[in-house]
C-alpha atoms as a PDB file:
ATOM      1  CA  MET A   1      62.693 -15.213 -24.644  1.00  0.00           C
ATOM      2  CA  GLY A   2      66.272 -14.874 -24.523  1.00  0.00           C
ATOM      3  CA  GLY A   3      66.923 -18.496 -23.329  1.00  0.00           C
ATOM      4  CA  GLU A   4      64.089 -18.244 -20.543  1.00  0.00           C
ATOM      5  CA  LEU A   5      60.922 -20.379 -20.522  1.00  0.00           C
ATOM      6  CA  THR A   6      58.155 -17.849 -20.750  1.00  0.00           C
ATOM      7  CA  ALA A   7      54.881 -20.119 -20.829  1.00  0.00           C
ATOM      8  CA  ILE A   8      53.469 -23.756 -20.591  1.00  0.00           C
ATOM      9  CA  SER A   9      50.386 -24.621 -22.180  1.00  0.00           C
ATOM     10  CA  GLN A  10      48.206 -27.818 -23.204  1.00  0.00           C
ATOM     11  CA  TYR A  11      48.770 -28.468 -26.927  1.00  0.00           C
ATOM     12  CA  ASP A  12      45.297 -29.485 -27.102  1.00  0.00           C
ATOM     13  CA  ASP A  13      43.280 -26.939 -25.772  1.00  0.00           C
ATOM     14  CA  GLN A  14      39.669 -28.137 -26.825  1.00  0.00           C
ATOM     15  CA  LEU A  15      39.461 -30.966 -24.445  1.00  0.00           C
ATOM     16  CA  ARG A  16      40.086 -31.354 -20.561  1.00  0.00           C
ATOM     17  CA  TYR A  17      42.278 -34.342 -19.606  1.00  0.00           C
ATOM     18  CA  ASP A  18      41.766 -35.422 -15.931  1.00  0.00           C
ATOM     19  CA  PHE A  19      45.216 -36.657 -15.634  1.00  0.00           C
ATOM     20  CA  VAL A  20      46.621 -33.330 -16.752  1.00  0.00           C
ATOM     21  CA  VAL A  21      44.727 -31.532 -14.478  1.00  0.00           C
ATOM     22  CA  GLU A  22      45.421 -33.846 -11.363  1.00  0.00           C
ATOM     23  CA  HIS A  23      49.211 -34.093 -12.255  1.00  0.00           C
ATOM     24  CA  ALA A  24      49.520 -30.377 -13.571  1.00  0.00           C
ATOM     25  CA  GLU A  25      52.354 -29.326 -10.818  1.00  0.00           C
ATOM     26  CA  VAL A  26      54.354 -32.560 -11.730  1.00  0.00           C
ATOM     27  CA  ALA A  27      54.002 -31.920 -15.380  1.00  0.00           C
ATOM     28  CA  VAL A  28      55.414 -28.378 -15.057  1.00  0.00           C
ATOM     29  CA  ALA A  29      58.304 -29.612 -13.101  1.00  0.00           C
ATOM     30  CA  VAL A  30      59.356 -32.126 -15.477  1.00  0.00           C
ATOM     31  CA  ILE A  31      59.071 -29.657 -18.278  1.00  0.00           C
ATOM     32  CA  ARG A  32      61.203 -27.293 -16.677  1.00  0.00           C
ATOM     33  CA  GLN A  33      63.634 -29.853 -15.816  1.00  0.00           C
ATOM     34  CA  CYS A  34      64.002 -31.020 -19.506  1.00  0.00           C
ATOM     35  CA  PHE A  35      64.095 -27.572 -20.608  1.00  0.00           C
ATOM     36  CA  GLU A  36      66.949 -26.695 -18.502  1.00  0.00           C
ATOM     37  CA  GLN A  37      68.703 -29.650 -20.068  1.00  0.00           C
ATOM     38  CA  VAL A  38      68.072 -28.679 -23.769  1.00  0.00           C
ATOM     39  CA  LYS A  39      68.400 -24.862 -23.264  1.00  0.00           C
ATOM     40  CA  PRO A  40      72.342 -25.056 -24.002  1.00  0.00           C
ATOM     41  CA  LEU A  41      71.656 -27.087 -27.098  1.00  0.00           C
ATOM     42  CA  LEU A  42      69.184 -24.410 -28.228  1.00  0.00           C
ATOM     43  CA  ALA A  43      71.774 -21.712 -27.683  1.00  0.00           C
ATOM     44  CA  GLN A  44      74.432 -23.772 -29.659  1.00  0.00           C
ATOM     45  CA  LEU A  45      71.935 -24.027 -32.510  1.00  0.00           C
ATOM     46  CA  GLY A  46      71.646 -20.149 -32.513  1.00  0.00           C
ATOM     47  CA  TYR A  47      68.153 -20.280 -31.364  1.00  0.00           C
ATOM     48  CA  VAL A  48      67.142 -16.940 -29.799  1.00  0.00           C
ATOM     49  CA  MET A  49      63.511 -17.560 -29.674  1.00  0.00           C
ATOM     50  CA  ALA A  50      61.639 -20.807 -30.002  1.00  0.00           C
ATOM     51  CA  VAL A  51      58.435 -22.761 -29.301  1.00  0.00           C
ATOM     52  CA  VAL A  52      59.512 -26.249 -27.858  1.00  0.00           C
ATOM     53  CA  ASP A  53      56.971 -28.802 -27.712  1.00  0.00           C
ATOM     54  CA  PHE A  54      57.224 -31.362 -25.098  1.00  0.00           C
ATOM     55  CA  VAL A  55      55.564 -34.513 -24.321  1.00  0.00           C
ATOM     56  CA  VAL A  56      55.013 -35.478 -20.665  1.00  0.00           C
ATOM     57  CA  LEU A  57      54.555 -39.151 -19.737  1.00  0.00           C
ATOM     58  CA  PRO A  58      54.229 -41.174 -16.630  1.00  0.00           C
ATOM     59  CA  GLU A  59      57.500 -43.301 -16.435  1.00  0.00           C
ATOM     60  CA  CYS A  60      55.684 -46.579 -15.991  1.00  0.00           C
ATOM     61  CA  GLY A  61      53.275 -45.610 -18.865  1.00  0.00           C
ATOM     62  CA  ASP A  62      50.112 -45.139 -16.699  1.00  0.00           C
ATOM     63  CA  ALA A  63      48.274 -41.836 -16.218  1.00  0.00           C
ATOM     64  CA  SER A  64      48.354 -41.999 -12.306  1.00  0.00           C
ATOM     65  CA  GLY A  65      52.171 -41.984 -12.267  1.00  0.00           C
ATOM     66  CA  GLY A  66      51.874 -45.060 -10.362  1.00  0.00           C
ATOM     67  CA  GLY A  67      53.321 -48.580 -10.881  1.00  0.00           C
ATOM     68  CA  GLY A  68      55.464 -48.084  -7.610  1.00  0.00           C
ATOM     69  CA  GLY A  69      57.056 -45.046  -8.836  1.00  0.00           C
ATOM     70  CA  GLY A  70      54.548 -42.697  -7.035  1.00  0.00           C
ATOM     71  CA  SER A  71      53.101 -39.648  -8.581  1.00  0.00           C
ATOM     72  CA  GLY A  72      55.920 -37.432  -7.875  1.00  0.00           C
ATOM     73  CA  SER A  73      58.193 -36.066 -10.533  1.00  0.00           C
ATOM     74  CA  ASP A  74      60.546 -38.762 -10.206  1.00  0.00           C
ATOM     75  CA  ALA A  75      57.722 -41.233 -11.850  1.00  0.00           C
ATOM     76  CA  TRP A  76      57.252 -38.763 -14.808  1.00  0.00           C
ATOM     77  CA  ARG A  77      59.541 -37.689 -17.808  1.00  0.00           C
ATOM     78  CA  ALA A  78      59.203 -34.988 -20.504  1.00  0.00           C
ATOM     79  CA  ARG A  79      60.739 -35.093 -23.949  1.00  0.00           C
ATOM     80  CA  VAL A  80      61.343 -32.634 -26.872  1.00  0.00           C
ATOM     81  CA  VAL A  81      58.956 -33.561 -29.774  1.00  0.00           C
ATOM     82  CA  GLU A  82      59.497 -30.375 -31.854  1.00  0.00           C
ATOM     83  CA  ILE A  83      61.289 -27.211 -31.973  1.00  0.00           C
ATOM     84  CA  ASN A  84      60.165 -24.257 -33.912  1.00  0.00           C
ATOM     85  CA  PRO A  85      62.529 -21.180 -33.953  1.00  0.00           C
ATOM     86  CA  PHE A  86      61.206 -17.859 -34.594  1.00  0.00           C
ATOM     87  CA  GLY A  87      62.290 -14.252 -34.577  1.00  0.00           C
ATOM     88  CA  SER A  88      65.942 -13.344 -35.238  1.00  0.00           C
ATOM     89  CA  ARG A  89      68.796 -15.930 -35.018  1.00  0.00           C
ATOM     90  CA  ARG A  90      72.456 -15.827 -34.457  1.00  0.00           C
ATOM     91  CA  TRP A  91      73.553 -18.725 -36.806  1.00  0.00           C
ATOM     92  CA  CYS A  92      72.069 -21.317 -38.882  1.00  0.00           C
ATOM     93  CA  LEU A  93      73.636 -23.859 -41.209  1.00  0.00           C
ATOM     94  CA  ALA A  94      73.356 -21.882 -44.397  1.00  0.00           C
ATOM     95  CA  ASP A  95      75.557 -19.110 -42.778  1.00  0.00           C
ATOM     96  CA  GLY A  96      78.628 -21.439 -43.494  1.00  0.00           C
ATOM     97  CA  PRO A  97      80.817 -22.615 -40.520  1.00  0.00           C
ATOM     98  CA  GLN A  98      79.666 -22.058 -36.853  1.00  0.00           C
ATOM     99  CA  PRO A  99      80.978 -19.070 -35.214  1.00  0.00           C
ATOM    100  CA  ALA A 100      82.787 -19.750 -31.846  1.00  0.00           C
ATOM    101  CA  ALA A 101      80.035 -18.030 -29.656  1.00  0.00           C
ATOM    102  CA  CYS A 102      77.695 -20.544 -30.949  1.00  0.00           C
ATOM    103  CA  ARG A 103      79.777 -23.773 -30.208  1.00  0.00           C
END
């Protein structure tokens, strides 16, 4: 809420993925890093609260984070898949010209 990351969960909660369990700390770290990069964009769009879906992938495409990159967060990346705003908003396209506070 209010531009802060409040929860991280696995999208598919019906299955256990060993690579997620084994690399949970790395996944959380790259999600936090990606969130910090998109947070200003969410504010510019006027989103006060939103559910942001991320995908977390090993940089080299394998679940071990290997391929010479190691298993640290430098070998993984997170990307935004979807943004679902909810609650109040400060501005949207239907409101007309964007207020200076949202630029």
